[in-house]
Amino acid sequence: MSKLFGFSIEDTDEQSLPKTAVSPVPPNNEDGSDYFLSSGFFGSYVDIEGIYKTEFDLIKRYREMALHPEADSAIEDIISEALVSDTNDSPVEINLDNLNASDGIKTKVREAFKFVKDLLDFDKKAHEIYRNWYVDGRLYYHKIIDLKNPEAGIQELRYIDAMKMRYVRQQKKNKDDKFRVSNNVITQNPMEYEFPQIEEYFIYTPKQTYPVGNASPNSGNNGIKIAKDAITYCTSGLVDRNKGIGLSYLHKAIKSLNQLRMIEDSLVIYRLSRAPERRIFYIDVGNLPKMKAEQYLRDVMMRYRNKLVYNADTGEIRDDKKYMAMLEDFWLPRREGGRGTEISTLPGGQNLGEITDIEYFKKKLYRSLNVPPSRMDGEGGFNLGRSSEILRDEVKFSKFVGRLRKRFSNMFTDMLKTQLLLTNVVTPEDWEVMSEHIQYDFLYDNHFTELKEAELQNERMALLATVEPYIGKYYSQDYVRRRVLRQTDEEILEEDKKIEKEIKDGIIPDPAEMMLDPEGSGGMRPMPIEGELGANGAGGEPDAALRSMDVDTKGVTQTADIVKPKGGEI
């Protein structure tokens, strides 16, 4: 393979498995990119034009679909739900709570993420970037670096049109390979065979032209080969397994949109042709020959036809007798012996206000895009009631948007990986461990999710109030926190630390002191000493409450010893 343009970072994928762990099956492709074979001393032509033509057609169709008003409305609903634009907050922030690393590393990771977002200008262009990815089903960015000083990191992130890029997985194969695909059974030691190696690269075609004609021996490799690490490649995750082509989320809406278009066009044609009431003139031509009868009919028609014509372009009404529109009256000859000259009326179309079929296909289009039909034209309004009143479609839509966010986050992960590796913040091995614990928090504007969480919290608090009298008798505090409040181990530890700190800072009172001083006198109730008056004001039996008063000190329950004064010792 010729030298690739761009740069390459040490690939850790091949080192993830031992050299002895081999397989004749290439790694699974989840983005629709197929594997191609190259062999021979000089190499051979790789026929990828056919697939490229198909991808070209699909992307072109997706972009045309996005211009349709109904499809555009559904797409905007999805993007507005996935990316919330706020005046002060960024649409997405990095979350490193689960990352087991030092504070210094976390700070550098956050700085790198902010640097990547600034290069993308994501706070301002988030809607455009997300729409390009959603419509095309793929997104390409060229990571430009200073080849003489790669430690400086990414210099620019340049968007590449999806029609100009191709992702190629090529299977290297030399002429002296021992392994042959035609071998059905390997009779010898499998380690003696040279298993196929995979090359991955991108082909950039600067001139966006539709590939036509028969492919020449070099047409499959036209363009510039760019190294895999130099390109950020993010796909929708949808793949046509039969054809091996990556799809967009708009793909399953192609049929619904075409049906909606045809129904709308046919409805317009029907209404234009049947809307007006037209008259039928039966003209008595007597025994005139055919030619003279036709001439007589034309004379009568020109004499009595509508003479005023409305010009829709200019808004003028003019007298034009030369043309006869298709919606004008009908003139039919009638021979002698008939009923003579007659004028009848042809009624216009009936039930022209029926658009049930239009509404059906519009809802079908919305469902094919996973958008709740209730959002169509503002149907149903917005309900701020209980979560039980929320439509199930809205819950499904919220989960769908969450999946889109996770898939789109792969773009940030790849850019962040490149920036951290180039600036020597982490090593490729460290990144493989860290990447699993890096998450991205998107701003939420889904009020249904907020209402659901609030109602769940209210139900838990109501249940807690019911269970509270039984804490220490039938239930432990740990059971209540885990099963009633549904707190995790991390949340319990975190809340305990916060409570301890707030008690120390005096923000909240100490519960132990509250139990010792239920009346709020500021300290423990004083104990009677020998010779002191009893609670009844005389040297007699002390108050019954003092007899069995429990003192809780630092979690230890003790029974105070009450000293009964002797007779005469007042």
Protein backbone atom coordinates (compact mmCIF):
# COMPACT_ATOMS: atom_id res chain seq x y z
CA MET A 1 0.00 0.00 0.00
CA SER A 2 1.26 3.42 -0.81
CA LYS A 3 2.25 5.81 1.92
CA LEU A 4 -0.73 7.23 3.77
CA PHE A 5 -1.34 10.91 4.31
CA GLY A 6 -1.74 12.10 7.89
CA PHE A 7 -0.44 10.49 11.04
CA SER A 8 -0.73 7.23 12.93
CA ILE A 9 -0.75 6.59 16.64
CA GLU A 10 0.48 3.32 18.05
CA ASP A 11 -2.32 0.93 17.59
CA THR A 12 -3.24 -1.03 20.68
CA ASP A 13 -5.98 -3.08 19.05
CA GLU A 14 -3.55 -5.61 17.70
CA GLN A 15 -1.83 -5.87 21.08
CA SER A 16 -5.07 -6.55 22.92
CA LEU A 17 -4.79 -10.24 21.98
CA PRO A 18 -1.71 -12.46 22.16
CA LYS A 19 0.07 -13.19 18.89
CA THR A 20 -0.94 -16.81 19.24
CA ALA A 21 -4.64 -15.90 19.41
CA VAL A 22 -5.44 -15.88 15.71
CA SER A 23 -8.56 -16.30 13.63
CA PRO A 24 -9.30 -16.51 9.90
CA VAL A 25 -12.31 -14.23 10.47
CA PRO A 26 -11.56 -10.49 10.38
CA PRO A 27 -12.80 -8.29 13.24
CA ASN A 28 -16.52 -7.58 13.11
CA ASN A 29 -17.39 -4.37 11.34
CA GLU A 30 -20.21 -2.39 12.87
CA ASP A 31 -20.22 0.51 10.47
CA GLY A 32 -20.95 -1.13 7.15
CA SER A 33 -17.39 -0.98 5.85
CA ASP A 34 -16.61 -4.18 4.03
CA TYR A 35 -13.30 -6.02 3.62
CA PHE A 36 -11.51 -6.15 0.30
CA LEU A 37 -8.72 -8.40 -0.85
CA SER A 38 -5.46 -7.35 -2.45
CA SER A 39 -2.87 -9.84 -3.64
CA GLY A 40 -0.09 -10.42 -6.10
CA PHE A 41 3.29 -8.83 -6.52
CA PHE A 42 1.94 -5.67 -8.10
CA GLY A 43 -1.37 -5.74 -6.25
CA SER A 44 -4.79 -5.95 -7.79
CA TYR A 45 -7.74 -3.67 -8.32
CA VAL A 46 -10.08 -3.29 -5.40
CA ASP A 47 -13.62 -2.91 -6.70
CA ILE A 48 -15.35 -0.59 -4.26
CA GLU A 49 -17.02 1.63 -6.82
CA GLY A 50 -20.24 -0.34 -6.65
CA ILE A 51 -20.60 0.18 -2.94
CA TYR A 52 -19.55 3.79 -3.29
CA LYS A 53 -22.28 4.39 -5.85
CA THR A 54 -24.85 2.97 -3.48
CA GLU A 55 -23.61 5.05 -0.56
CA PHE A 56 -23.57 8.13 -2.76
CA ASP A 57 -27.18 7.55 -3.78
CA LEU A 58 -28.29 6.94 -0.20
CA ILE A 59 -26.65 10.07 1.21
CA LYS A 60 -28.12 12.13 -1.63
CA ARG A 61 -31.57 10.69 -0.93
CA TYR A 62 -31.25 11.31 2.82
CA ARG A 63 -30.43 14.97 2.22
CA GLU A 64 -33.38 15.37 -0.12
CA MET A 65 -35.66 13.79 2.47
CA ALA A 66 -34.46 16.23 5.12
CA LEU A 67 -35.78 19.11 2.99
CA HIS A 68 -39.35 17.80 3.12
CA PRO A 69 -41.38 19.90 5.62
CA GLU A 70 -42.79 16.97 7.63
CA ALA A 71 -39.47 15.12 7.75
CA ASP A 72 -37.64 18.33 8.67
CA SER A 73 -40.08 18.95 11.52
CA ALA A 74 -39.49 15.46 12.92
CA ILE A 75 -35.71 15.83 12.58
CA GLU A 76 -35.79 19.17 14.38
CA ASP A 77 -37.77 17.59 17.22
CA ILE A 78 -35.11 14.91 17.60
CA ILE A 79 -32.18 17.33 17.48
CA SER A 80 -33.84 19.79 19.86
CA GLU A 81 -34.42 16.97 22.32
CA ALA A 82 -30.90 15.56 22.02
CA LEU A 83 -29.07 18.90 22.22
CA VAL A 84 -30.44 21.54 24.51
CA SER A 85 -29.15 25.01 23.79
CA ASP A 86 -28.78 27.12 26.89
CA THR A 87 -27.54 30.66 27.26
CA ASN A 88 -24.97 29.87 29.92
CA ASP A 89 -24.41 26.09 29.92
CA SER A 90 -22.75 23.99 27.26
CA PRO A 91 -24.89 21.33 25.55
CA VAL A 92 -22.53 18.59 26.75
CA GLU A 93 -20.00 18.24 29.56
CA ILE A 94 -17.59 15.47 30.45
CA ASN A 95 -18.26 13.34 33.53
CA LEU A 96 -15.25 11.76 35.28
CA ASP A 97 -16.93 10.64 38.52
CA ASN A 98 -16.36 6.98 37.71
CA LEU A 99 -12.77 7.48 36.52
CA ASN A 100 -10.19 6.09 38.94
CA ALA A 101 -7.41 8.57 38.34
CA SER A 102 -5.60 11.37 40.13
CA ASP A 103 -7.02 14.87 40.29
CA GLY A 104 -4.23 16.10 38.05
CA ILE A 105 -5.12 13.61 35.30
CA LYS A 106 -8.82 14.47 35.59
CA THR A 107 -8.03 18.16 35.28
CA LYS A 108 -5.99 17.56 32.13
CA VAL A 109 -8.76 15.40 30.66
CA ARG A 110 -11.31 18.16 31.31
CA GLU A 111 -9.00 20.73 29.74
CA ALA A 112 -8.50 18.51 26.69
CA PHE A 113 -12.25 18.06 26.31
CA LYS A 114 -12.83 21.80 26.53
CA PHE A 115 -10.06 22.29 23.96
CA VAL A 116 -11.76 19.85 21.57
CA LYS A 117 -15.12 21.57 22.01
CA ASP A 118 -13.53 24.94 21.30
CA LEU A 119 -11.96 23.58 18.10
CA LEU A 120 -15.38 22.35 17.01
CA ASP A 121 -17.04 25.53 18.26
CA PHE A 122 -19.57 23.08 19.58
CA ASP A 123 -21.44 25.50 21.80
CA LYS A 124 -22.48 27.49 18.71
CA LYS A 125 -22.50 24.84 15.98
CA ALA A 126 -23.86 21.87 17.94
CA HIS A 127 -27.14 21.85 16.01
CA GLU A 128 -25.45 21.82 12.60
CA ILE A 129 -22.94 19.13 13.56
CA TYR A 130 -25.59 16.88 15.04
CA ARG A 131 -27.91 17.37 12.06
CA ASN A 132 -25.16 16.46 9.58
CA TRP A 133 -24.47 13.29 11.54
CA TYR A 134 -28.13 12.35 11.89
CA VAL A 135 -29.11 12.95 8.26
CA ASP A 136 -26.04 11.46 6.56
CA GLY A 137 -25.65 8.63 9.05
CA ARG A 138 -21.90 9.31 9.25
CA LEU A 139 -19.58 12.11 10.19
CA TYR A 140 -15.98 12.80 9.18
CA TYR A 141 -13.50 15.22 10.73
CA HIS A 142 -9.88 15.60 9.75
CA LYS A 143 -7.63 16.02 12.77
CA ILE A 144 -4.90 18.40 11.57
CA ILE A 145 -1.66 18.37 13.58
CA ASP A 146 1.83 19.84 13.24
CA LEU A 147 3.79 16.87 11.91
CA LYS A 148 7.07 18.45 13.09
CA ASN A 149 5.67 19.04 16.57
CA PRO A 150 2.89 16.50 17.27
CA GLU A 151 3.15 17.12 21.02
CA ALA A 152 1.32 20.39 20.44
CA GLY A 153 -1.87 18.38 19.91
CA ILE A 154 -4.65 18.92 17.42
CA GLN A 155 -4.40 22.22 15.57
CA GLU A 156 -7.72 22.12 13.71
CA LEU A 157 -10.75 19.89 13.29
CA ARG A 158 -11.94 20.22 9.70
CA TYR A 159 -15.31 18.87 8.58
CA ILE A 160 -15.33 16.63 5.49
CA ASP A 161 -18.37 16.04 3.34
CA ALA A 162 -19.57 12.45 3.66
CA MET A 163 -19.82 12.18 -0.13
CA LYS A 164 -16.09 12.76 -0.47
CA MET A 165 -14.92 10.14 2.00
CA ARG A 166 -14.78 6.38 1.98
CA TYR A 167 -13.69 4.10 4.77
CA VAL A 168 -11.81 1.05 3.50
CA ARG A 169 -10.81 -2.10 5.31
CA GLN A 170 -8.35 -3.93 3.12
CA GLN A 171 -7.15 -7.45 3.73
CA LYS A 172 -3.45 -7.78 2.93
CA LYS A 173 -2.47 -10.96 1.18
CA ASN A 174 0.89 -11.87 -0.32
CA LYS A 175 1.44 -14.38 -3.06
CA ASP A 176 3.34 -16.72 -0.79
CA ASP A 177 0.58 -16.94 1.80
CA LYS A 178 0.00 -20.45 3.01
CA PHE A 179 -3.53 -19.79 4.07
CA ARG A 180 -6.18 -20.16 1.40
CA VAL A 181 -9.86 -19.35 1.81
CA SER A 182 -10.71 -22.36 -0.37
CA ASN A 183 -9.30 -24.73 2.24
CA ASN A 184 -12.28 -26.24 3.96
CA VAL A 185 -10.32 -28.17 6.55
CA ILE A 186 -6.98 -27.29 8.11
CA THR A 187 -5.23 -30.55 8.56
CA GLN A 188 -1.98 -29.16 9.97
CA ASN A 189 -1.15 -26.99 12.90
CA PRO A 190 -3.15 -23.75 12.54
CA MET A 191 -0.19 -21.69 13.75
CA GLU A 192 1.70 -22.64 10.58
CA TYR A 193 -0.68 -20.59 8.50
CA GLU A 194 -0.36 -16.88 7.94
CA PHE A 195 -3.70 -15.44 8.87
CA PRO A 196 -4.97 -12.35 7.06
CA GLN A 197 -3.91 -8.91 8.22
CA ILE A 198 -6.19 -5.90 7.97
CA GLU A 199 -5.29 -2.44 6.76
CA GLU A 200 -7.67 0.39 7.53
CA TYR A 201 -7.57 3.75 5.86
CA PHE A 202 -9.72 6.46 4.33
CA ILE A 203 -9.93 7.59 0.72
CA TYR A 204 -10.64 11.26 0.19
CA THR A 205 -11.93 12.36 -3.20
CA PRO A 206 -11.53 16.14 -3.46
CA LYS A 207 -13.82 16.50 -6.47
CA GLN A 208 -17.34 15.53 -5.60
CA THR A 209 -18.45 13.78 -8.76
CA TYR A 210 -20.86 10.97 -9.24
CA PRO A 211 -18.95 7.80 -10.13
CA VAL A 212 -20.11 6.73 -13.57
CA GLY A 213 -18.95 4.37 -16.26
CA ASN A 214 -16.93 1.24 -16.06
CA ALA A 215 -14.28 1.24 -13.41
CA SER A 216 -10.74 1.52 -14.61
CA PRO A 217 -7.94 -0.45 -12.92
CA ASN A 218 -7.11 2.55 -10.76
CA SER A 219 -10.53 4.10 -10.31
CA GLY A 220 -11.18 2.22 -7.09
CA ASN A 221 -8.26 3.94 -5.43
CA ASN A 222 -8.78 7.41 -6.83
CA GLY A 223 -8.18 10.14 -4.31
CA ILE A 224 -5.91 10.54 -1.34
CA LYS A 225 -5.32 7.77 1.16
CA ILE A 226 -5.47 9.09 4.71
CA ALA A 227 -4.38 7.20 7.78
CA LYS A 228 -7.10 5.93 10.11
CA ASP A 229 -5.87 7.87 13.15
CA ALA A 230 -6.00 11.18 11.27
CA ILE A 231 -9.79 10.98 10.77
CA THR A 232 -12.59 11.03 13.31
CA TYR A 233 -15.25 8.68 11.97
CA CYS A 234 -18.63 8.48 13.70
CA THR A 235 -21.50 6.42 12.29
CA SER A 236 -25.13 5.92 13.21
CA GLY A 237 -24.56 2.27 14.06
CA LEU A 238 -27.24 1.11 11.60
CA VAL A 239 -25.99 -1.30 8.97
CA ASP A 240 -27.70 -3.10 6.12
CA ARG A 241 -26.26 -6.54 6.69
CA ASN A 242 -27.34 -7.78 3.27
CA LYS A 243 -25.45 -5.10 1.36
CA GLY A 244 -22.87 -4.12 3.96
CA ILE A 245 -23.72 -0.42 3.82
CA GLY A 246 -24.03 2.00 6.70
CA LEU A 247 -27.48 3.57 6.95
CA SER A 248 -28.99 6.70 8.39
CA TYR A 249 -31.86 6.88 10.84
CA LEU A 250 -33.87 8.32 7.95
CA HIS A 251 -33.59 5.11 5.95
CA LYS A 252 -36.73 3.40 7.24
CA ALA A 253 -38.73 6.55 6.56
CA ILE A 254 -38.01 6.49 2.80
CA LYS A 255 -41.14 4.49 1.93
CA SER A 256 -43.39 6.46 4.29
CA LEU A 257 -42.20 9.78 2.92
CA ASN A 258 -42.65 8.69 -0.71
CA GLN A 259 -46.18 7.47 0.05
CA LEU A 260 -47.01 10.77 1.73
CA ARG A 261 -45.71 12.70 -1.26
CA MET A 262 -47.75 10.66 -3.76
CA ILE A 263 -50.92 10.93 -1.70
CA GLU A 264 -50.50 14.69 -1.39
CA ASP A 265 -49.84 15.08 -5.13
CA SER A 266 -52.81 12.94 -6.12
CA LEU A 267 -55.03 14.86 -3.73
CA VAL A 268 -53.98 18.17 -5.26
CA ILE A 269 -54.58 16.89 -8.80
CA TYR A 270 -57.99 15.51 -7.85
CA ARG A 271 -59.09 18.73 -6.20
CA LEU A 272 -57.90 20.90 -9.05
CA SER A 273 -59.72 18.80 -11.59
CA ARG A 274 -62.95 18.19 -9.64
CA ALA A 275 -63.31 21.24 -7.44
CA PRO A 276 -65.23 23.58 -9.82
CA GLU A 277 -68.71 22.89 -11.10
CA ARG A 278 -68.70 22.65 -14.87
CA ARG A 279 -71.49 22.83 -17.39
CA ILE A 280 -72.19 20.53 -20.32
CA PHE A 281 -73.64 22.17 -23.43
CA TYR A 282 -75.44 19.86 -25.85
CA ILE A 283 -75.68 21.80 -29.17
CA ASP A 284 -78.22 20.77 -31.77
CA VAL A 285 -76.40 20.57 -35.13
CA GLY A 286 -79.34 19.29 -37.10
CA ASN A 287 -78.42 17.39 -40.25
CA LEU A 288 -75.19 19.26 -40.90
CA PRO A 289 -72.28 17.21 -42.23
CA LYS A 290 -69.55 16.29 -39.82
CA MET A 291 -67.09 19.03 -40.80
CA LYS A 292 -69.76 21.75 -40.83
CA ALA A 293 -71.19 20.45 -37.55
CA GLU A 294 -67.78 20.74 -35.88
CA GLN A 295 -67.29 24.25 -37.28
CA TYR A 296 -70.75 25.28 -36.08
CA LEU A 297 -69.95 23.88 -32.59
CA ARG A 298 -66.69 25.85 -32.41
CA ASP A 299 -68.49 29.07 -33.47
CA VAL A 300 -71.12 28.63 -30.78
CA MET A 301 -68.47 27.80 -28.22
CA MET A 302 -66.40 30.89 -29.00
CA ARG A 303 -69.51 33.00 -28.89
CA TYR A 304 -70.72 31.91 -25.48
CA ARG A 305 -67.62 30.71 -23.69
CA ASN A 306 -66.11 32.50 -20.73
CA LYS A 307 -64.22 35.47 -22.01
CA LEU A 308 -62.44 36.58 -18.86
CA VAL A 309 -59.23 34.81 -17.87
CA TYR A 310 -57.46 35.20 -14.53
CA ASN A 311 -53.66 35.40 -14.69
CA ALA A 312 -52.25 33.86 -11.49
CA ASP A 313 -48.74 35.27 -12.10
CA THR A 314 -49.72 38.91 -12.34
CA GLY A 315 -53.10 38.88 -10.63
CA GLU A 316 -54.76 40.41 -13.71
CA ILE A 317 -58.07 39.52 -15.34
CA ARG A 318 -57.89 39.71 -19.10
CA ASP A 319 -59.99 38.76 -22.08
CA ASP A 320 -58.38 35.85 -23.84
CA LYS A 321 -60.40 33.72 -26.21
CA LYS A 322 -57.55 31.81 -27.81
CA TYR A 323 -57.03 29.32 -25.04
CA MET A 324 -59.38 26.97 -23.37
CA ALA A 325 -58.42 25.63 -20.00
CA MET A 326 -59.05 22.03 -19.05
CA LEU A 327 -61.39 23.07 -16.28
CA GLU A 328 -63.80 24.93 -18.52
CA ASP A 329 -67.17 23.73 -19.75
CA PHE A 330 -67.83 20.80 -22.07
CA TRP A 331 -69.44 21.31 -25.53
CA LEU A 332 -70.99 18.30 -27.18
CA PRO A 333 -72.87 18.13 -30.55
CA ARG A 334 -76.33 16.54 -30.77
CA ARG A 335 -78.03 15.40 -33.99
CA GLU A 336 -81.54 16.19 -35.12
CA GLY A 337 -84.04 13.93 -33.53
CA GLY A 338 -82.53 14.39 -30.14
CA ARG A 339 -83.76 16.59 -27.40
CA GLY A 340 -82.32 19.70 -28.97
CA THR A 341 -79.98 22.15 -27.31
CA GLU A 342 -79.54 21.41 -23.60
CA ILE A 343 -77.41 22.68 -20.75
CA SER A 344 -76.69 20.48 -17.72
CA THR A 345 -74.37 20.86 -14.72
CA LEU A 346 -71.56 18.48 -13.79
CA PRO A 347 -71.18 18.64 -9.99
CA GLY A 348 -67.78 19.18 -8.41
CA GLY A 349 -65.88 16.67 -6.32
CA GLN A 350 -67.49 15.47 -3.12
CA ASN A 351 -65.86 15.20 0.30
CA LEU A 352 -62.94 17.36 -0.72
CA GLY A 353 -62.33 18.14 2.95
CA GLU A 354 -61.45 14.52 3.78
CA ILE A 355 -57.75 14.23 4.59
CA THR A 356 -57.86 11.08 6.72
CA ASP A 357 -55.41 9.31 4.43
CA ILE A 358 -53.02 12.28 4.62
CA GLU A 359 -53.09 12.20 8.42
CA TYR A 360 -52.49 8.45 8.41
CA PHE A 361 -49.36 8.64 6.28
CA LYS A 362 -48.13 11.65 8.23
CA LYS A 363 -48.39 9.69 11.49
CA LYS A 364 -46.72 6.74 9.77
CA LEU A 365 -43.82 9.02 8.80
CA TYR A 366 -43.43 10.25 12.37
CA ARG A 367 -43.52 6.72 13.74
CA SER A 368 -40.89 5.60 11.25
CA LEU A 369 -38.62 8.35 12.63
CA ASN A 370 -39.39 7.30 16.24
CA VAL A 371 -41.05 10.64 16.96
CA PRO A 372 -44.35 10.54 18.91
CA PRO A 373 -47.25 11.37 16.58
CA SER A 374 -48.68 13.53 19.36
CA ARG A 375 -45.95 16.07 18.57
CA MET A 376 -47.26 16.48 15.04
CA ASP A 377 -48.71 19.97 14.62
CA GLY A 378 -48.82 20.40 18.38
CA GLU A 379 -51.45 17.73 18.92
CA GLY A 380 -52.36 17.02 22.49
CA GLY A 381 -50.54 20.01 23.91
CA PHE A 382 -48.14 19.64 26.82
CA ASN A 383 -49.21 17.85 29.96
CA LEU A 384 -47.59 18.70 33.28
CA GLY A 385 -49.59 16.15 35.23
CA ARG A 386 -48.55 12.90 36.85
CA SER A 387 -46.16 10.56 35.12
CA SER A 388 -49.01 8.08 34.75
CA GLU A 389 -50.62 10.55 32.36
CA ILE A 390 -47.52 10.72 30.18
CA LEU A 391 -47.82 8.92 26.89
CA ARG A 392 -45.78 5.77 26.43
CA ASP A 393 -44.55 7.18 23.12
CA GLU A 394 -42.81 9.98 25.00
CA VAL A 395 -41.01 7.50 27.23
CA LYS A 396 -39.86 5.51 24.18
CA PHE A 397 -38.78 8.72 22.50
CA SER A 398 -36.72 9.72 25.52
CA LYS A 399 -34.91 6.35 25.46
CA PHE A 400 -34.31 6.69 21.71
CA VAL A 401 -32.74 10.12 22.20
CA GLY A 402 -30.54 8.65 24.93
CA ARG A 403 -29.24 6.01 22.50
CA LEU A 404 -28.51 8.70 19.93
CA ARG A 405 -26.51 10.66 22.48
CA LYS A 406 -24.41 7.65 23.39
CA ARG A 407 -23.64 6.94 19.75
CA PHE A 408 -22.82 10.56 18.99
CA SER A 409 -20.45 10.67 21.98
CA ASN A 410 -18.06 8.39 20.08
CA MET A 411 -16.97 11.50 18.19
CA PHE A 412 -15.83 13.20 21.39
CA THR A 413 -14.14 10.02 22.60
CA ASP A 414 -12.03 9.69 19.45
CA MET A 415 -11.00 13.35 19.42
CA LEU A 416 -10.23 13.29 23.13
CA LYS A 417 -8.14 10.14 22.70
CA THR A 418 -6.03 11.75 19.97
CA GLN A 419 -5.49 14.93 21.98
CA LEU A 420 -4.45 13.11 25.16
CA LEU A 421 -2.11 10.72 23.34
CA LEU A 422 -0.43 13.47 21.33
CA THR A 423 0.12 15.65 24.40
CA ASN A 424 1.54 12.64 26.32
CA VAL A 425 -1.06 12.90 29.07
CA VAL A 426 -1.84 9.17 28.88
CA THR A 427 -0.43 6.16 27.09
CA PRO A 428 -2.44 4.01 24.65
CA GLU A 429 -2.64 1.26 27.28
CA ASP A 430 -3.93 3.68 29.93
CA TRP A 431 -6.50 5.06 27.54
CA GLU A 432 -8.01 1.62 26.94
CA VAL A 433 -8.74 1.41 30.65
CA MET A 434 -9.83 5.05 31.08
CA SER A 435 -12.19 5.24 28.12
CA GLU A 436 -14.63 2.80 29.71
CA HIS A 437 -15.19 5.16 32.64
CA ILE A 438 -15.50 8.44 30.76
CA GLN A 439 -19.08 9.61 30.32
CA TYR A 440 -20.73 12.66 28.82
CA ASP A 441 -23.58 14.59 30.41
CA PHE A 442 -25.99 16.25 28.00
CA LEU A 443 -28.29 19.03 29.08
CA TYR A 444 -31.80 17.71 29.59
CA ASP A 445 -34.91 19.51 28.50
CA ASN A 446 -37.25 16.57 28.68
CA HIS A 447 -39.83 17.60 31.25
CA PHE A 448 -41.37 14.15 31.18
CA THR A 449 -38.17 12.66 32.61
CA GLU A 450 -38.04 15.35 35.27
CA LEU A 451 -41.68 14.77 36.23
CA LYS A 452 -41.16 11.03 36.43
CA GLU A 453 -38.14 11.40 38.72
CA ALA A 454 -39.96 13.93 40.93
CA GLU A 455 -42.97 11.67 41.31
CA LEU A 456 -40.79 8.66 42.14
CA GLN A 457 -39.05 10.72 44.80
CA ASN A 458 -42.38 11.81 46.29
CA GLU A 459 -43.58 8.22 46.44
CA ARG A 460 -40.40 7.15 48.21
CA MET A 461 -40.70 9.96 50.75
CA ALA A 462 -44.31 9.01 51.47
CA LEU A 463 -43.27 5.39 51.96
CA LEU A 464 -40.43 6.51 54.22
CA ALA A 465 -42.86 8.42 56.45
CA THR A 466 -44.96 5.26 56.75
CA VAL A 467 -41.99 3.02 57.62
CA GLU A 468 -40.24 5.45 60.00
CA PRO A 469 -42.05 4.35 63.21
CA TYR A 470 -40.84 0.80 62.59
CA ILE A 471 -37.14 1.69 62.12
CA GLY A 472 -35.20 -0.06 64.87
CA LYS A 473 -38.07 -2.43 65.60
CA TYR A 474 -38.65 -4.29 62.35
CA TYR A 475 -36.38 -2.50 59.86
CA SER A 476 -32.82 -1.26 60.06
CA GLN A 477 -31.70 2.10 58.75
CA ASP A 478 -29.53 0.36 56.17
CA TYR A 479 -32.54 -1.59 54.86
CA VAL A 480 -34.65 1.57 54.60
CA ARG A 481 -31.92 3.49 52.77
CA ARG A 482 -31.31 0.69 50.30
CA ARG A 483 -34.82 -0.67 49.69
CA VAL A 484 -37.07 2.31 50.33
CA LEU A 485 -34.92 5.27 49.24
CA ARG A 486 -33.08 3.11 46.66
CA GLN A 487 -29.69 4.56 47.53
CA THR A 488 -26.57 2.87 46.17
CA ASP A 489 -23.42 2.17 48.15
CA GLU A 490 -21.72 5.18 46.62
CA GLU A 491 -24.66 7.44 47.41
CA ILE A 492 -24.81 6.23 51.03
CA LEU A 493 -21.11 6.92 51.59
CA GLU A 494 -21.31 10.27 49.87
CA GLU A 495 -24.38 11.40 51.82
CA ASP A 496 -22.87 10.26 55.14
CA LYS A 497 -19.77 12.35 54.45
CA LYS A 498 -21.88 15.39 53.55
CA ILE A 499 -24.07 15.02 56.67
CA GLU A 500 -21.01 14.71 58.91
CA LYS A 501 -19.45 17.79 57.37
CA GLU A 502 -22.65 19.83 57.69
CA ILE A 503 -23.01 18.84 61.35
CA LYS A 504 -19.41 19.85 61.96
CA ASP A 505 -19.96 23.19 60.22
CA GLY A 506 -23.14 23.79 62.24
CA ILE A 507 -25.41 23.84 59.19
CA ILE A 508 -27.67 21.13 60.62
CA PRO A 509 -28.11 20.04 64.29
CA ASP A 510 -26.58 16.86 65.64
CA PRO A 511 -29.26 14.13 65.79
CA ALA A 512 -27.68 12.68 68.97
CA GLU A 513 -28.12 15.97 70.78
CA MET A 514 -31.66 16.23 69.53
CA MET A 515 -32.45 12.85 71.09
CA LEU A 516 -30.86 13.88 74.40
CA ASP A 517 -32.65 17.21 74.46
CA PRO A 518 -36.08 16.75 72.96
CA GLU A 519 -37.32 20.03 74.48
CA GLY A 520 -34.52 22.00 72.96
CA SER A 521 -32.92 23.28 76.17
CA GLY A 522 -29.53 23.05 74.61
CA GLY A 523 -28.12 20.11 76.51
CA MET A 524 -28.84 16.91 78.37
CA ARG A 525 -31.45 17.05 81.04
CA PRO A 526 -29.69 17.29 84.48
CA MET A 527 -29.84 14.26 86.75
CA PRO A 528 -31.06 14.61 90.38
CA ILE A 529 -28.32 14.20 92.96
CA GLU A 530 -28.47 12.91 96.49
CA GLY A 531 -30.34 15.30 98.81
CA GLU A 532 -32.05 17.09 95.94
CA LEU A 533 -35.81 17.55 95.78
CA GLY A 534 -37.67 15.01 93.75
CA ALA A 535 -39.76 15.86 90.83
CA ASN A 536 -42.85 16.07 93.03
CA GLY A 537 -41.31 18.79 95.19
CA ALA A 538 -40.96 16.61 98.30
CA GLY A 539 -38.51 14.07 99.47
CA GLY A 540 -40.38 11.15 98.13
CA GLU A 541 -40.47 9.04 95.04
CA PRO A 542 -38.80 10.76 92.06
CA ASP A 543 -40.58 11.34 88.81
CA ALA A 544 -41.39 8.14 86.97
CA ALA A 545 -39.80 9.49 83.82
CA LEU A 546 -36.48 9.86 85.62
CA ARG A 547 -36.76 6.36 86.93
CA SER A 548 -36.25 4.83 83.55
CA MET A 549 -34.71 7.61 81.50
CA ASP A 550 -32.38 6.34 78.79
CA VAL A 551 -29.31 8.38 77.97
CA ASP A 552 -27.89 7.97 74.50
CA THR A 553 -24.28 9.02 74.36
CA LYS A 554 -22.35 8.44 71.18
CA GLY A 555 -24.70 5.73 70.10
CA VAL A 556 -24.52 3.76 73.38
CA THR A 557 -27.78 3.45 75.32
CA GLN A 558 -27.36 3.47 79.11
CA THR A 559 -29.82 3.47 82.03
CA ALA A 560 -29.14 6.18 84.55
CA ASP A 561 -28.93 5.12 88.21
CA ILE A 562 -31.43 7.10 90.22
CA VAL A 563 -30.41 7.69 93.86
CA LYS A 564 -33.36 7.76 96.23
CA PRO A 565 -32.83 10.24 99.06
CA LYS A 566 -32.93 8.85 102.57
CA GLY A 567 -35.56 9.90 105.01
CA GLY A 568 -34.83 13.24 106.64
CA GLU A 569 -32.05 14.11 104.15
CA ILE A 570 -33.67 17.06 102.51
